[in-house]
Amino acid sequence: MVSRSHIEHLPDGTEHRTGVWAANQRARRDKLDTTQLTALANLWIDWATR
């Protein structure tokens, strides 16, 4: 898992605040539907499995 401050630098020169995105997903996991949780679990994000 990445830290909240992690930023991905994309090939086109833009930045994606991956750490903030991941932290928000985890904080709001009770509001995610089964499809969203499955997609995150497929990325080996352990908290996404119920």
Protein backbone atom coordinates (compact mmCIF):
# COMPACT_ATOMS: atom_id res chain seq x y z
CA MET A 1 0.00 0.00 0.00
CA VAL A 2 1.26 3.45 -0.86
CA SER A 3 1.41 6.30 1.64
CA ARG A 4 -1.18 9.08 1.44
CA SER A 5 1.47 11.47 0.10
CA HIS A 6 2.43 9.20 -2.84
CA ILE A 7 2.18 10.86 -6.27
CA GLU A 8 2.50 8.99 -9.58
CA HIS A 9 4.19 10.92 -12.39
CA LEU A 10 2.56 9.81 -15.63
CA PRO A 11 4.32 9.61 -19.01
CA ASP A 12 2.32 12.57 -20.36
CA GLY A 13 3.73 14.79 -17.62
CA THR A 14 0.66 14.86 -15.41
CA GLU A 15 0.52 13.74 -11.81
CA HIS A 16 -1.95 11.45 -10.09
CA ARG A 17 -2.27 11.61 -6.31
CA THR A 18 -2.49 7.85 -5.95
CA GLY A 19 -1.99 7.93 -2.19
CA VAL A 20 -4.93 10.25 -1.63
CA TRP A 21 -7.12 8.18 -3.97
CA ALA A 22 -6.23 4.93 -2.17
CA ALA A 23 -6.82 6.47 1.27
CA ASN A 24 -10.20 7.80 0.17
CA GLN A 25 -11.24 4.40 -1.21
CA ARG A 26 -10.31 2.73 2.07
CA ALA A 27 -12.07 5.36 4.19
CA ARG A 28 -15.24 5.02 2.10
CA ARG A 29 -15.11 1.25 1.59
CA ASP A 30 -18.51 0.78 3.26
CA LYS A 31 -20.05 2.80 0.42
CA LEU A 32 -18.37 0.82 -2.39
CA ASP A 33 -20.47 -1.75 -4.22
CA THR A 34 -19.46 -5.37 -4.75
CA THR A 35 -18.09 -4.70 -8.24
CA GLN A 36 -15.82 -1.93 -6.98
CA LEU A 37 -14.58 -4.01 -4.05
CA THR A 38 -13.90 -6.94 -6.38
CA ALA A 39 -11.89 -4.72 -8.72
CA LEU A 40 -9.79 -3.48 -5.78
CA ALA A 41 -9.35 -7.02 -4.44
CA ASN A 42 -8.10 -8.08 -7.88
CA LEU A 43 -5.36 -5.46 -7.44
CA TRP A 44 -4.33 -7.29 -4.21
CA ILE A 45 -5.70 -4.60 -1.95
CA ASP A 46 -6.28 -6.71 1.14
CA TRP A 47 -8.87 -4.53 2.88
CA ALA A 48 -11.19 -4.76 -0.16
CA THR A 49 -12.17 -8.35 0.61
CA ARG A 50 -15.08 -8.91 2.94
